[in-house]
Amino acid sequence: MDTNTVRVTGRVFGLPVTDNSRRSKFFRKLLEQLMDLNNPREFNFALIDFAAGICKPRNPFHEICPVREFCNLYKTNDKHLHINSKN
């Protein structure tokens, strides 16, 4: 679990994300529930790639995001981006 995967998860579910969220048991359990248990490595790398290419820390590409219909950030158009860090 890293900052990028936590950022994406927080945005999709509308959860506040801080610098310490990557150490959160809550986020860990949530990501475990979403993870493909047969291919956890592929799931994590895909989520990291998605975070780097589309769900960037600033100015995410909402117009091409494949999960925007499920994303709380997109639905609420929250400009704060649920980030309380220096990203």
PDB file of N, CA and C in Angstrom:
ATOM      1  N   MET A   1       0.852  -1.166   0.000  1.00  0.00           N
ATOM      2  CA  MET A   1       0.000   0.000   0.000  1.00  0.00           C
ATOM      3  C   MET A   1       0.900   1.232   0.000  1.00  0.00           C
ATOM      4  N   ASP A   2       0.675   2.114  -0.959  1.00  0.00           N
ATOM      5  CA  ASP A   2       1.470   3.327  -0.991  1.00  0.00           C
ATOM      6  C   ASP A   2       0.570   4.555  -1.129  1.00  0.00           C
ATOM      7  N   THR A   3       1.176   5.704  -1.160  1.00  0.00           N
ATOM      8  CA  THR A   3       0.445   6.960  -1.211  1.00  0.00           C
ATOM      9  C   THR A   3      -0.479   7.021  -2.429  1.00  0.00           C
ATOM     10  N   ASN A   4      -0.025   6.505  -3.558  1.00  0.00           N
ATOM     11  CA  ASN A   4      -0.822   6.563  -4.787  1.00  0.00           C
ATOM     12  C   ASN A   4      -2.072   5.700  -4.703  1.00  0.00           C
ATOM     13  N   THR A   5      -1.929   4.487  -4.196  1.00  0.00           N
ATOM     14  CA  THR A   5      -3.092   3.609  -4.105  1.00  0.00           C
ATOM     15  C   THR A   5      -4.088   4.123  -3.073  1.00  0.00           C
ATOM     16  N   VAL A   6      -3.574   4.710  -2.009  1.00  0.00           N
ATOM     17  CA  VAL A   6      -4.455   5.300  -0.992  1.00  0.00           C
ATOM     18  C   VAL A   6      -5.176   6.513  -1.570  1.00  0.00           C
ATOM     19  N   ARG A   7      -4.484   7.323  -2.354  1.00  0.00           N
ATOM     20  CA  ARG A   7      -5.107   8.505  -2.966  1.00  0.00           C
ATOM     21  C   ARG A   7      -6.285   8.098  -3.852  1.00  0.00           C
ATOM     22  N   VAL A   8      -6.070   7.118  -4.709  1.00  0.00           N
ATOM     23  CA  VAL A   8      -7.132   6.663  -5.604  1.00  0.00           C
ATOM     24  C   VAL A   8      -8.312   6.116  -4.795  1.00  0.00           C
ATOM     25  N   THR A   9      -8.025   5.290  -3.822  1.00  0.00           N
ATOM     26  CA  THR A   9      -9.073   4.703  -2.990  1.00  0.00           C
ATOM     27  C   THR A   9      -9.857   5.780  -2.264  1.00  0.00           C
ATOM     28  N   GLY A  10      -9.157   6.737  -1.693  1.00  0.00           N
ATOM     29  CA  GLY A  10      -9.822   7.831  -0.997  1.00  0.00           C
ATOM     30  C   GLY A  10     -10.717   8.636  -1.915  1.00  0.00           C
ATOM     31  N   ARG A  11     -10.252   8.907  -3.106  1.00  0.00           N
ATOM     32  CA  ARG A  11     -11.056   9.681  -4.057  1.00  0.00           C
ATOM     33  C   ARG A  11     -12.303   8.918  -4.496  1.00  0.00           C
ATOM     34  N   VAL A  12     -12.130   7.668  -4.825  1.00  0.00           N
ATOM     35  CA  VAL A  12     -13.266   6.869  -5.297  1.00  0.00           C
ATOM     36  C   VAL A  12     -14.339   6.757  -4.217  1.00  0.00           C
ATOM     37  N   PHE A  13     -13.916   6.506  -2.990  1.00  0.00           N
ATOM     38  CA  PHE A  13     -14.878   6.299  -1.910  1.00  0.00           C
ATOM     39  C   PHE A  13     -15.205   7.560  -1.116  1.00  0.00           C
ATOM     40  N   GLY A  14     -14.598   8.676  -1.466  1.00  0.00           N
ATOM     41  CA  GLY A  14     -14.888   9.924  -0.772  1.00  0.00           C
ATOM     42  C   GLY A  14     -14.351   9.954   0.648  1.00  0.00           C
ATOM     43  N   LEU A  15     -13.188   9.357   0.846  1.00  0.00           N
ATOM     44  CA  LEU A  15     -12.576   9.288   2.169  1.00  0.00           C
ATOM     45  C   LEU A  15     -11.464  10.321   2.291  1.00  0.00           C
ATOM     46  N   PRO A  16     -11.343  10.949   3.442  1.00  0.00           N
ATOM     47  CA  PRO A  16     -10.235  11.891   3.618  1.00  0.00           C
ATOM     48  C   PRO A  16      -8.896  11.151   3.636  1.00  0.00           C
ATOM     49  N   VAL A  17      -7.916  11.729   2.982  1.00  0.00           N
ATOM     50  CA  VAL A  17      -6.595  11.134   2.892  1.00  0.00           C
ATOM     51  C   VAL A  17      -5.585  12.109   3.490  1.00  0.00           C
ATOM     52  N   THR A  18      -4.745  11.599   4.378  1.00  0.00           N
ATOM     53  CA  THR A  18      -3.684  12.399   4.975  1.00  0.00           C
ATOM     54  C   THR A  18      -2.353  11.724   4.703  1.00  0.00           C
ATOM     55  N   ASP A  19      -1.278  12.334   5.165  1.00  0.00           N
ATOM     56  CA  ASP A  19       0.052  11.737   4.991  1.00  0.00           C
ATOM     57  C   ASP A  19       0.165  10.375   5.670  1.00  0.00           C
ATOM     58  N   ASN A  20      -0.615  10.146   6.717  1.00  0.00           N
ATOM     59  CA  ASN A  20      -0.540   8.887   7.461  1.00  0.00           C
ATOM     60  C   ASN A  20      -1.524   7.818   6.985  1.00  0.00           C
ATOM     61  N   SER A  21      -2.340   8.122   6.016  1.00  0.00           N
ATOM     62  CA  SER A  21      -3.357   7.170   5.565  1.00  0.00           C
ATOM     63  C   SER A  21      -2.769   5.882   5.017  1.00  0.00           C
ATOM     64  N   ARG A  22      -1.576   5.946   4.465  1.00  0.00           N
ATOM     65  CA  ARG A  22      -0.974   4.718   3.896  1.00  0.00           C
ATOM     66  C   ARG A  22      -0.618   3.707   4.977  1.00  0.00           C
ATOM     67  N   ARG A  23      -0.616   4.145   6.228  1.00  0.00           N
ATOM     68  CA  ARG A  23      -0.373   3.233   7.349  1.00  0.00           C
ATOM     69  C   ARG A  23      -1.665   2.840   8.061  1.00  0.00           C
ATOM     70  N   SER A  24      -2.778   3.265   7.526  1.00  0.00           N
ATOM     71  CA  SER A  24      -4.075   3.050   8.153  1.00  0.00           C
ATOM     72  C   SER A  24      -4.570   1.616   7.963  1.00  0.00           C
ATOM     73  N   LYS A  25      -4.999   1.000   9.050  1.00  0.00           N
ATOM     74  CA  LYS A  25      -5.584  -0.341   8.969  1.00  0.00           C
ATOM     75  C   LYS A  25      -6.882  -0.305   8.176  1.00  0.00           C
ATOM     76  N   PHE A  26      -7.626   0.788   8.283  1.00  0.00           N
ATOM     77  CA  PHE A  26      -8.885   0.921   7.542  1.00  0.00           C
ATOM     78  C   PHE A  26      -8.622   0.867   6.039  1.00  0.00           C
ATOM     79  N   PHE A  27      -7.669   1.661   5.550  1.00  0.00           N
ATOM     80  CA  PHE A  27      -7.359   1.655   4.120  1.00  0.00           C
ATOM     81  C   PHE A  27      -6.813   0.296   3.691  1.00  0.00           C
ATOM     82  N   ARG A  28      -6.002  -0.315   4.529  1.00  0.00           N
ATOM     83  CA  ARG A  28      -5.452  -1.636   4.191  1.00  0.00           C
ATOM     84  C   ARG A  28      -6.573  -2.656   4.003  1.00  0.00           C
ATOM     85  N   LYS A  29      -7.528  -2.669   4.926  1.00  0.00           N
ATOM     86  CA  LYS A  29      -8.645  -3.619   4.823  1.00  0.00           C
ATOM     87  C   LYS A  29      -9.513  -3.321   3.602  1.00  0.00           C
ATOM     88  N   LEU A  30      -9.735  -2.044   3.318  1.00  0.00           N
ATOM     89  CA  LEU A  30     -10.532  -1.672   2.152  1.00  0.00           C
ATOM     90  C   LEU A  30      -9.848  -2.123   0.868  1.00  0.00           C
ATOM     91  N   LEU A  31      -8.565  -1.872   0.746  1.00  0.00           N
ATOM     92  CA  LEU A  31      -7.837  -2.299  -0.444  1.00  0.00           C
ATOM     93  C   LEU A  31      -7.792  -3.817  -0.568  1.00  0.00           C
ATOM     94  N   GLU A  32      -7.683  -4.516   0.543  1.00  0.00           N
ATOM     95  CA  GLU A  32      -7.701  -5.980   0.503  1.00  0.00           C
ATOM     96  C   GLU A  32      -9.026  -6.509  -0.030  1.00  0.00           C
ATOM     97  N   GLN A  33     -10.114  -5.821   0.298  1.00  0.00           N
ATOM     98  CA  GLN A  33     -11.432  -6.243  -0.196  1.00  0.00           C
ATOM     99  C   GLN A  33     -11.574  -5.997  -1.691  1.00  0.00           C
ATOM    100  N   LEU A  34     -10.872  -5.002  -2.213  1.00  0.00           N
ATOM    101  CA  LEU A  34     -10.949  -4.686  -3.637  1.00  0.00           C
ATOM    102  C   LEU A  34      -9.986  -5.520  -4.480  1.00  0.00           C
ATOM    103  N   MET A  35      -8.946  -6.008  -3.851  1.00  0.00           N
ATOM    104  CA  MET A  35      -7.862  -6.665  -4.550  1.00  0.00           C
ATOM    105  C   MET A  35      -8.279  -7.987  -5.183  1.00  0.00           C
ATOM    106  N   ASP A  36      -7.704  -8.242  -6.332  1.00  0.00           N
ATOM    107  CA  ASP A  36      -7.837  -9.539  -6.993  1.00  0.00           C
ATOM    108  C   ASP A  36      -6.893 -10.492  -6.269  1.00  0.00           C
ATOM    109  N   LEU A  37      -7.448 -11.370  -5.452  1.00  0.00           N
ATOM    110  CA  LEU A  37      -6.629 -12.248  -4.623  1.00  0.00           C
ATOM    111  C   LEU A  37      -5.815 -13.252  -5.434  1.00  0.00           C
ATOM    112  N   ASN A  38      -6.228 -13.501  -6.677  1.00  0.00           N
ATOM    113  CA  ASN A  38      -5.469 -14.406  -7.539  1.00  0.00           C
ATOM    114  C   ASN A  38      -4.266 -13.713  -8.170  1.00  0.00           C
ATOM    115  N   ASN A  39      -4.341 -12.388  -8.279  1.00  0.00           N
ATOM    116  CA  ASN A  39      -3.261 -11.618  -8.909  1.00  0.00           C
ATOM    117  C   ASN A  39      -3.004 -10.322  -8.145  1.00  0.00           C
ATOM    118  N   PRO A  40      -2.630 -10.405  -6.878  1.00  0.00           N
ATOM    119  CA  PRO A  40      -2.463  -9.172  -6.099  1.00  0.00           C
ATOM    120  C   PRO A  40      -1.366  -8.253  -6.636  1.00  0.00           C
ATOM    121  N   ARG A  41      -0.309  -8.829  -7.150  1.00  0.00           N
ATOM    122  CA  ARG A  41       0.773  -8.007  -7.692  1.00  0.00           C
ATOM    123  C   ARG A  41       0.306  -7.207  -8.908  1.00  0.00           C
ATOM    124  N   GLU A  42      -0.391  -7.861  -9.818  1.00  0.00           N
ATOM    125  CA  GLU A  42      -0.911  -7.177 -10.999  1.00  0.00           C
ATOM    126  C   GLU A  42      -1.906  -6.089 -10.609  1.00  0.00           C
ATOM    127  N   PHE A  43      -2.760  -6.388  -9.630  1.00  0.00           N
ATOM    128  CA  PHE A  43      -3.728  -5.403  -9.152  1.00  0.00           C
ATOM    129  C   PHE A  43      -3.012  -4.158  -8.629  1.00  0.00           C
ATOM    130  N   ASN A  44      -2.003  -4.365  -7.781  1.00  0.00           N
ATOM    131  CA  ASN A  44      -1.278  -3.234  -7.209  1.00  0.00           C
ATOM    132  C   ASN A  44      -0.548  -2.421  -8.268  1.00  0.00           C
ATOM    133  N   PHE A  45       0.115  -3.093  -9.189  1.00  0.00           N
ATOM    134  CA  PHE A  45       0.814  -2.364 -10.249  1.00  0.00           C
ATOM    135  C   PHE A  45      -0.166  -1.614 -11.145  1.00  0.00           C
ATOM    136  N   ALA A  46      -1.300  -2.207 -11.433  1.00  0.00           N
ATOM    137  CA  ALA A  46      -2.309  -1.522 -12.250  1.00  0.00           C
ATOM    138  C   ALA A  46      -2.834  -0.285 -11.535  1.00  0.00           C
ATOM    139  N   LEU A  47      -3.067  -0.399 -10.241  1.00  0.00           N
ATOM    140  CA  LEU A  47      -3.560   0.739  -9.473  1.00  0.00           C
ATOM    141  C   LEU A  47      -2.512   1.851  -9.405  1.00  0.00           C
ATOM    142  N   ILE A  48      -1.255   1.488  -9.256  1.00  0.00           N
ATOM    143  CA  ILE A  48      -0.175   2.480  -9.246  1.00  0.00           C
ATOM    144  C   ILE A  48      -0.069   3.164 -10.607  1.00  0.00           C
ATOM    145  N   ASP A  49      -0.144   2.396 -11.687  1.00  0.00           N
ATOM    146  CA  ASP A  49      -0.111   2.974 -13.036  1.00  0.00           C
ATOM    147  C   ASP A  49      -1.293   3.912 -13.268  1.00  0.00           C
ATOM    148  N   PHE A  50      -2.469   3.501 -12.810  1.00  0.00           N
ATOM    149  CA  PHE A  50      -3.659   4.327 -12.937  1.00  0.00           C
ATOM    150  C   PHE A  50      -3.483   5.640 -12.171  1.00  0.00           C
ATOM    151  N   ALA A  51      -2.927   5.557 -10.974  1.00  0.00           N
ATOM    152  CA  ALA A  51      -2.705   6.752 -10.156  1.00  0.00           C
ATOM    153  C   ALA A  51      -1.716   7.699 -10.818  1.00  0.00           C
ATOM    154  N   ALA A  52      -0.690   7.146 -11.444  1.00  0.00           N
ATOM    155  CA  ALA A  52       0.338   7.967 -12.080  1.00  0.00           C
ATOM    156  C   ALA A  52      -0.130   8.583 -13.392  1.00  0.00           C
ATOM    157  N   GLY A  53      -0.955   7.854 -14.131  1.00  0.00           N
ATOM    158  CA  GLY A  53      -1.343   8.315 -15.458  1.00  0.00           C
ATOM    159  C   GLY A  53      -2.652   9.055 -15.549  1.00  0.00           C
ATOM    160  N   ILE A  54      -3.608   8.731 -14.702  1.00  0.00           N
ATOM    161  CA  ILE A  54      -4.945   9.318 -14.803  1.00  0.00           C
ATOM    162  C   ILE A  54      -5.354  10.026 -13.518  1.00  0.00           C
ATOM    163  N   CYS A  55      -5.241   9.334 -12.396  1.00  0.00           N
ATOM    164  CA  CYS A  55      -5.692   9.889 -11.116  1.00  0.00           C
ATOM    165  C   CYS A  55      -4.514  10.551 -10.398  1.00  0.00           C
ATOM    166  N   LYS A  56      -3.939  11.544 -11.063  1.00  0.00           N
ATOM    167  CA  LYS A  56      -2.745  12.219 -10.577  1.00  0.00           C
ATOM    168  C   LYS A  56      -3.061  13.064  -9.337  1.00  0.00           C
ATOM    169  N   PRO A  57      -2.027  13.367  -8.543  1.00  0.00           N
ATOM    170  CA  PRO A  57      -2.260  14.155  -7.328  1.00  0.00           C
ATOM    171  C   PRO A  57      -2.923  15.501  -7.611  1.00  0.00           C
ATOM    172  N   ARG A  58      -2.529  16.138  -8.665  1.00  0.00           N
ATOM    173  CA  ARG A  58      -3.136  17.411  -9.075  1.00  0.00           C
ATOM    174  C   ARG A  58      -3.657  17.269 -10.493  1.00  0.00           C
ATOM    175  N   ASN A  59      -4.778  17.865 -10.760  1.00  0.00           N
ATOM    176  CA  ASN A  59      -5.377  17.871 -12.093  1.00  0.00           C
ATOM    177  C   ASN A  59      -5.565  16.467 -12.680  1.00  0.00           C
ATOM    178  N   PRO A  60      -6.328  15.624 -12.008  1.00  0.00           N
ATOM    179  CA  PRO A  60      -6.589  14.288 -12.563  1.00  0.00           C
ATOM    180  C   PRO A  60      -7.365  14.397 -13.878  1.00  0.00           C
ATOM    181  N   PHE A  61      -7.182  13.414 -14.736  1.00  0.00           N
ATOM    182  CA  PHE A  61      -7.829  13.402 -16.048  1.00  0.00           C
ATOM    183  C   PHE A  61      -9.227  12.783 -15.960  1.00  0.00           C
ATOM    184  N   HIS A  62     -10.167  13.553 -15.444  1.00  0.00           N
ATOM    185  CA  HIS A  62     -11.534  13.058 -15.287  1.00  0.00           C
ATOM    186  C   HIS A  62     -12.173  12.670 -16.618  1.00  0.00           C
ATOM    187  N   GLU A  63     -11.849  13.408 -17.663  1.00  0.00           N
ATOM    188  CA  GLU A  63     -12.505  13.177 -18.948  1.00  0.00           C
ATOM    189  C   GLU A  63     -12.192  11.819 -19.557  1.00  0.00           C
ATOM    190  N   ILE A  64     -11.083  11.199 -19.173  1.00  0.00           N
ATOM    191  CA  ILE A  64     -10.744   9.875 -19.710  1.00  0.00           C
ATOM    192  C   ILE A  64     -10.717   8.790 -18.636  1.00  0.00           C
ATOM    193  N   CYS A  65     -11.146   9.118 -17.444  1.00  0.00           N
ATOM    194  CA  CYS A  65     -11.087   8.173 -16.334  1.00  0.00           C
ATOM    195  C   CYS A  65     -12.118   7.051 -16.513  1.00  0.00           C
ATOM    196  N   PRO A  66     -11.665   5.800 -16.494  1.00  0.00           N
ATOM    197  CA  PRO A  66     -12.588   4.680 -16.689  1.00  0.00           C
ATOM    198  C   PRO A  66     -13.463   4.374 -15.465  1.00  0.00           C
ATOM    199  N   VAL A  67     -13.174   4.969 -14.314  1.00  0.00           N
ATOM    200  CA  VAL A  67     -13.980   4.711 -13.116  1.00  0.00           C
ATOM    201  C   VAL A  67     -14.734   5.952 -12.637  1.00  0.00           C
ATOM    202  N   ARG A  68     -14.811   6.975 -13.467  1.00  0.00           N
ATOM    203  CA  ARG A  68     -15.419   8.233 -13.018  1.00  0.00           C
ATOM    204  C   ARG A  68     -16.880   8.092 -12.621  1.00  0.00           C
ATOM    205  N   GLU A  69     -17.609   7.167 -13.206  1.00  0.00           N
ATOM    206  CA  GLU A  69     -19.014   7.015 -12.824  1.00  0.00           C
ATOM    207  C   GLU A  69     -19.171   6.465 -11.407  1.00  0.00           C
ATOM    208  N   PHE A  70     -18.097   5.864 -10.865  1.00  0.00           N
ATOM    209  CA  PHE A  70     -18.124   5.337  -9.500  1.00  0.00           C
ATOM    210  C   PHE A  70     -17.387   6.249  -8.518  1.00  0.00           C
ATOM    211  N   CYS A  71     -16.714   7.261  -9.017  1.00  0.00           N
ATOM    212  CA  CYS A  71     -15.789   8.064  -8.237  1.00  0.00           C
ATOM    213  C   CYS A  71     -16.478   9.222  -7.520  1.00  0.00           C
ATOM    214  N   ASN A  72     -16.311   9.245  -6.213  1.00  0.00           N
ATOM    215  CA  ASN A  72     -16.883  10.312  -5.413  1.00  0.00           C
ATOM    216  C   ASN A  72     -16.277  11.669  -5.761  1.00  0.00           C
ATOM    217  N   LEU A  73     -14.986  11.719  -6.014  1.00  0.00           N
ATOM    218  CA  LEU A  73     -14.345  12.982  -6.384  1.00  0.00           C
ATOM    219  C   LEU A  73     -14.967  13.539  -7.662  1.00  0.00           C
ATOM    220  N   TYR A  74     -15.149  12.697  -8.656  1.00  0.00           N
ATOM    221  CA  TYR A  74     -15.754  13.141  -9.912  1.00  0.00           C
ATOM    222  C   TYR A  74     -17.198  13.591  -9.698  1.00  0.00           C
ATOM    223  N   LYS A  75     -17.943  12.815  -8.942  1.00  0.00           N
ATOM    224  CA  LYS A  75     -19.353  13.138  -8.716  1.00  0.00           C
ATOM    225  C   LYS A  75     -19.535  14.436  -7.950  1.00  0.00           C
ATOM    226  N   THR A  76     -18.662  14.691  -6.983  1.00  0.00           N
ATOM    227  CA  THR A  76     -18.806  15.895  -6.160  1.00  0.00           C
ATOM    228  C   THR A  76     -18.005  17.069  -6.694  1.00  0.00           C
ATOM    229  N   ASN A  77     -17.109  16.786  -7.649  1.00  0.00           N
ATOM    230  CA  ASN A  77     -16.251  17.822  -8.218  1.00  0.00           C
ATOM    231  C   ASN A  77     -15.498  18.552  -7.112  1.00  0.00           C
ATOM    232  N   ASP A  78     -15.002  17.800  -6.162  1.00  0.00           N
ATOM    233  CA  ASP A  78     -14.314  18.343  -4.992  1.00  0.00           C
ATOM    234  C   ASP A  78     -12.921  18.827  -5.382  1.00  0.00           C
ATOM    235  N   LYS A  79     -12.722  20.118  -5.380  1.00  0.00           N
ATOM    236  CA  LYS A  79     -11.450  20.701  -5.797  1.00  0.00           C
ATOM    237  C   LYS A  79     -10.353  20.475  -4.758  1.00  0.00           C
ATOM    238  N   HIS A  80     -10.714  20.168  -3.515  1.00  0.00           N
ATOM    239  CA  HIS A  80      -9.709  19.940  -2.481  1.00  0.00           C
ATOM    240  C   HIS A  80      -8.972  18.636  -2.720  1.00  0.00           C
ATOM    241  N   LEU A  81      -9.549  17.725  -3.430  1.00  0.00           N
ATOM    242  CA  LEU A  81      -8.969  16.435  -3.815  1.00  0.00           C
ATOM    243  C   LEU A  81      -8.696  15.509  -2.644  1.00  0.00           C
ATOM    244  N   HIS A  82      -9.265  15.797  -1.484  1.00  0.00           N
ATOM    245  CA  HIS A  82      -9.120  14.922  -0.319  1.00  0.00           C
ATOM    246  C   HIS A  82      -7.655  14.674   0.015  1.00  0.00           C
ATOM    247  N   ILE A  83      -6.813  15.658  -0.224  1.00  0.00           N
ATOM    248  CA  ILE A  83      -5.390  15.495   0.059  1.00  0.00           C
ATOM    249  C   ILE A  83      -4.955  16.527   1.083  1.00  0.00           C
ATOM    250  N   ASN A  84      -4.251  16.058   2.090  1.00  0.00           N
ATOM    251  CA  ASN A  84      -3.706  16.936   3.105  1.00  0.00           C
ATOM    252  C   ASN A  84      -2.216  16.682   3.187  1.00  0.00           C
ATOM    253  N   SER A  85      -1.559  16.787   2.010  1.00  0.00           N
ATOM    254  CA  SER A  85      -0.129  16.536   1.965  1.00  0.00           C
ATOM    255  C   SER A  85       0.535  17.490   0.977  1.00  0.00           C
ATOM    256  N   LYS A  86       1.801  17.292   0.741  1.00  0.00           N
ATOM    257  CA  LYS A  86       2.567  18.182  -0.122  1.00  0.00           C
ATOM    258  C   LYS A  86       2.629  17.694  -1.553  1.00  0.00           C
ATOM    259  N   ASN A  87       1.841  16.715  -1.952  1.00  0.00           N
ATOM    260  CA  ASN A  87       1.856  16.174  -3.323  1.00  0.00           C
ATOM    261  C   ASN A  87       1.489  17.217  -4.326  1.00  0.00           C
TER     262      ASN A  87
END
